Amino acid sequence: ALEYADDVLRADRGFVLQAVAKNGSALRYADDVLRADRGFVLQAVAKNGSALPHADNVLRADRDFVLQAVAMHNLLEYADNVLRADRGFMLQAVAKRGSALQYADDVLR
């Protein structure tokens, strides 16, 4: 498991992607630089949607990043609460995946 891996392996893109493909939550043990790397995390989410909650908080608050993740999987529940309360953002998310509406802030439902 990645949590027991050496720091060098935790920073190795290929190794971490293999671990995430088997278990999305492995991303939580990846090097912080990888967890904050937009392209890398999108690759990880494409392999296993359950990686998203373990992405850096800055990415989970990034409109464009979250919309890309929502297009792959219905992952809006892991988006920053500010985004889930943003009407414009939610309209975009629902347009990509209708089931995203269930994760909208109560104010919007």
C-alpha atoms as a PDB file:
ATOM      1  CA  ALA A   1       0.000   0.000   0.000  1.00  0.00           C
ATOM      2  CA  LEU A   2       1.141   3.503  -0.786  1.00  0.00           C
ATOM      3  CA  GLU A   3       0.923   4.579   2.841  1.00  0.00           C
ATOM      4  CA  TYR A   4       3.917   2.366   3.629  1.00  0.00           C
ATOM      5  CA  ALA A   5       5.900   3.297   0.534  1.00  0.00           C
ATOM      6  CA  ASP A   6       9.125   5.258   0.547  1.00  0.00           C
ATOM      7  CA  ASP A   7       8.866   9.010  -0.117  1.00  0.00           C
ATOM      8  CA  VAL A   8      10.511   8.502  -3.501  1.00  0.00           C
ATOM      9  CA  LEU A   9       7.711   6.135  -4.547  1.00  0.00           C
ATOM     10  CA  ARG A  10       5.049   8.465  -3.156  1.00  0.00           C
ATOM     11  CA  ALA A  11       6.366  11.096  -5.570  1.00  0.00           C
ATOM     12  CA  ASP A  12       6.597   8.712  -8.547  1.00  0.00           C
ATOM     13  CA  ARG A  13       3.742   9.491 -10.946  1.00  0.00           C
ATOM     14  CA  GLY A  14       3.554   6.050 -12.503  1.00  0.00           C
ATOM     15  CA  PHE A  15       3.714   4.209  -9.211  1.00  0.00           C
ATOM     16  CA  VAL A  16       1.041   6.413  -7.617  1.00  0.00           C
ATOM     17  CA  LEU A  17      -1.272   6.066 -10.646  1.00  0.00           C
ATOM     18  CA  GLN A  18      -1.003   2.287 -10.419  1.00  0.00           C
ATOM     19  CA  ALA A  19      -1.843   2.419  -6.717  1.00  0.00           C
ATOM     20  CA  VAL A  20      -4.775   4.782  -7.304  1.00  0.00           C
ATOM     21  CA  ALA A  21      -6.146   2.574 -10.088  1.00  0.00           C
ATOM     22  CA  LYS A  22      -6.516  -0.197  -7.510  1.00  0.00           C
ATOM     23  CA  ASN A  23      -7.620   2.013  -4.618  1.00  0.00           C
ATOM     24  CA  GLY A  24      -8.581   5.654  -5.148  1.00  0.00           C
ATOM     25  CA  SER A  25      -7.967   6.568  -1.545  1.00  0.00           C
ATOM     26  CA  ALA A  26      -4.272   5.799  -2.078  1.00  0.00           C
ATOM     27  CA  LEU A  27      -3.991   9.351  -3.418  1.00  0.00           C
ATOM     28  CA  ARG A  28      -4.109  10.600   0.170  1.00  0.00           C
ATOM     29  CA  TYR A  29      -0.636   9.126   0.701  1.00  0.00           C
ATOM     30  CA  ALA A  30       0.876  10.586  -2.466  1.00  0.00           C
ATOM     31  CA  ASP A  31       3.390  13.390  -2.307  1.00  0.00           C
ATOM     32  CA  ASP A  32       1.715  16.772  -1.721  1.00  0.00           C
ATOM     33  CA  VAL A  33       3.076  18.056  -5.022  1.00  0.00           C
ATOM     34  CA  LEU A  34       1.236  15.285  -6.887  1.00  0.00           C
ATOM     35  CA  ARG A  35      -1.958  15.817  -4.903  1.00  0.00           C
ATOM     36  CA  ALA A  36      -1.903  19.476  -6.008  1.00  0.00           C
ATOM     37  CA  ASP A  37      -0.988  18.775  -9.646  1.00  0.00           C
ATOM     38  CA  ARG A  38      -4.096  19.410 -11.733  1.00  0.00           C
ATOM     39  CA  GLY A  39      -3.146  17.169 -14.652  1.00  0.00           C
ATOM     40  CA  PHE A  40      -1.969  14.346 -12.446  1.00  0.00           C
ATOM     41  CA  VAL A  41      -5.073  14.363 -10.259  1.00  0.00           C
ATOM     42  CA  LEU A  42      -7.328  14.376 -13.332  1.00  0.00           C
ATOM     43  CA  GLN A  43      -5.460  11.281 -14.546  1.00  0.00           C
ATOM     44  CA  ALA A  44      -5.940   9.697 -11.129  1.00  0.00           C
ATOM     45  CA  VAL A  45      -9.652  10.538 -11.088  1.00  0.00           C
ATOM     46  CA  ALA A  46     -10.030   9.104 -14.592  1.00  0.00           C
ATOM     47  CA  LYS A  47      -8.562   5.824 -13.314  1.00  0.00           C
ATOM     48  CA  ASN A  48     -10.561   5.803 -10.090  1.00  0.00           C
ATOM     49  CA  GLY A  49     -13.136   8.432  -9.154  1.00  0.00           C
ATOM     50  CA  SER A  50     -12.718   7.782  -5.460  1.00  0.00           C
ATOM     51  CA  ALA A  51      -9.369   9.585  -5.658  1.00  0.00           C
ATOM     52  CA  LEU A  52     -11.014  13.017  -5.811  1.00  0.00           C
ATOM     53  CA  PRO A  53     -11.674  13.487  -2.077  1.00  0.00           C
ATOM     54  CA  HIS A  54      -7.942  13.073  -1.522  1.00  0.00           C
ATOM     55  CA  ALA A  55      -6.926  15.794  -3.956  1.00  0.00           C
ATOM     56  CA  ASP A  56      -5.527  19.037  -2.634  1.00  0.00           C
ATOM     57  CA  ASN A  57      -8.250  21.353  -1.273  1.00  0.00           C
ATOM     58  CA  VAL A  58      -7.258  24.081  -3.735  1.00  0.00           C
ATOM     59  CA  LEU A  59      -8.135  21.751  -6.624  1.00  0.00           C
ATOM     60  CA  ARG A  60     -11.421  20.749  -5.025  1.00  0.00           C
ATOM     61  CA  ALA A  61     -12.340  24.457  -4.952  1.00  0.00           C
ATOM     62  CA  ASP A  62     -11.306  25.060  -8.583  1.00  0.00           C
ATOM     63  CA  ARG A  63     -14.379  25.444 -10.812  1.00  0.00           C
ATOM     64  CA  ASP A  64     -12.823  24.155 -14.021  1.00  0.00           C
ATOM     65  CA  PHE A  65     -11.091  21.257 -12.332  1.00  0.00           C
ATOM     66  CA  VAL A  66     -14.252  20.080 -10.570  1.00  0.00           C
ATOM     67  CA  LEU A  67     -16.305  20.395 -13.775  1.00  0.00           C
ATOM     68  CA  GLN A  68     -13.788  18.159 -15.547  1.00  0.00           C
ATOM     69  CA  ALA A  69     -14.016  15.622 -12.723  1.00  0.00           C
ATOM     70  CA  VAL A  70     -17.830  15.753 -12.778  1.00  0.00           C
ATOM     71  CA  ALA A  71     -17.769  15.052 -16.504  1.00  0.00           C
ATOM     72  CA  MET A  72     -15.901  11.782 -15.770  1.00  0.00           C
ATOM     73  CA  HIS A  73     -17.786  10.688 -12.663  1.00  0.00           C
ATOM     74  CA  ASN A  74     -20.538  12.062 -10.441  1.00  0.00           C
ATOM     75  CA  LEU A  75     -18.072  13.399  -7.896  1.00  0.00           C
ATOM     76  CA  LEU A  76     -19.662  16.677  -6.929  1.00  0.00           C
ATOM     77  CA  GLU A  77     -20.098  15.552  -3.341  1.00  0.00           C
ATOM     78  CA  TYR A  78     -16.337  16.060  -2.910  1.00  0.00           C
ATOM     79  CA  ALA A  79     -16.310  19.575  -4.314  1.00  0.00           C
ATOM     80  CA  ASP A  80     -15.780  22.556  -2.075  1.00  0.00           C
ATOM     81  CA  ASN A  81     -19.015  23.695  -0.366  1.00  0.00           C
ATOM     82  CA  VAL A  82     -18.674  27.180  -1.855  1.00  0.00           C
ATOM     83  CA  LEU A  83     -18.900  25.670  -5.346  1.00  0.00           C
ATOM     84  CA  ARG A  84     -21.900  23.557  -4.407  1.00  0.00           C
ATOM     85  CA  ALA A  85     -23.704  26.746  -3.320  1.00  0.00           C
ATOM     86  CA  ASP A  86     -22.806  28.658  -6.498  1.00  0.00           C
ATOM     87  CA  ARG A  87     -25.801  28.767  -8.848  1.00  0.00           C
ATOM     88  CA  GLY A  88     -23.763  29.287 -12.023  1.00  0.00           C
ATOM     89  CA  PHE A  89     -21.385  26.483 -11.175  1.00  0.00           C
ATOM     90  CA  MET A  90     -24.204  24.092 -10.322  1.00  0.00           C
ATOM     91  CA  LEU A  91     -25.971  24.842 -13.602  1.00  0.00           C
ATOM     92  CA  GLN A  92     -22.788  23.898 -15.439  1.00  0.00           C
ATOM     93  CA  ALA A  93     -22.315  20.753 -13.349  1.00  0.00           C
ATOM     94  CA  VAL A  94     -25.902  19.611 -13.871  1.00  0.00           C
ATOM     95  CA  ALA A  95     -25.561  20.235 -17.619  1.00  0.00           C
ATOM     96  CA  LYS A  96     -22.602  17.813 -17.622  1.00  0.00           C
ATOM     97  CA  ARG A  97     -24.234  15.257 -15.348  1.00  0.00           C
ATOM     98  CA  GLY A  98     -27.843  15.680 -14.265  1.00  0.00           C
ATOM     99  CA  SER A  99     -27.392  13.588 -11.146  1.00  0.00           C
ATOM    100  CA  ALA A 100     -25.009  16.268  -9.800  1.00  0.00           C
ATOM    101  CA  LEU A 101     -28.072  18.186  -8.619  1.00  0.00           C
ATOM    102  CA  GLN A 102     -28.349  15.940  -5.569  1.00  0.00           C
ATOM    103  CA  TYR A 103     -25.121  17.504  -4.233  1.00  0.00           C
ATOM    104  CA  ALA A 104     -26.205  21.116  -4.590  1.00  0.00           C
ATOM    105  CA  ASP A 105     -26.315  23.197  -1.438  1.00  0.00           C
ATOM    106  CA  ASP A 106     -29.739  23.241   0.214  1.00  0.00           C
ATOM    107  CA  VAL A 107     -30.092  26.921  -0.673  1.00  0.00           C
ATOM    108  CA  LEU A 108     -30.219  25.969  -4.367  1.00  0.00           C
ATOM    109  CA  ARG A 109     -32.574  22.998  -4.122  1.00  0.00           C
END
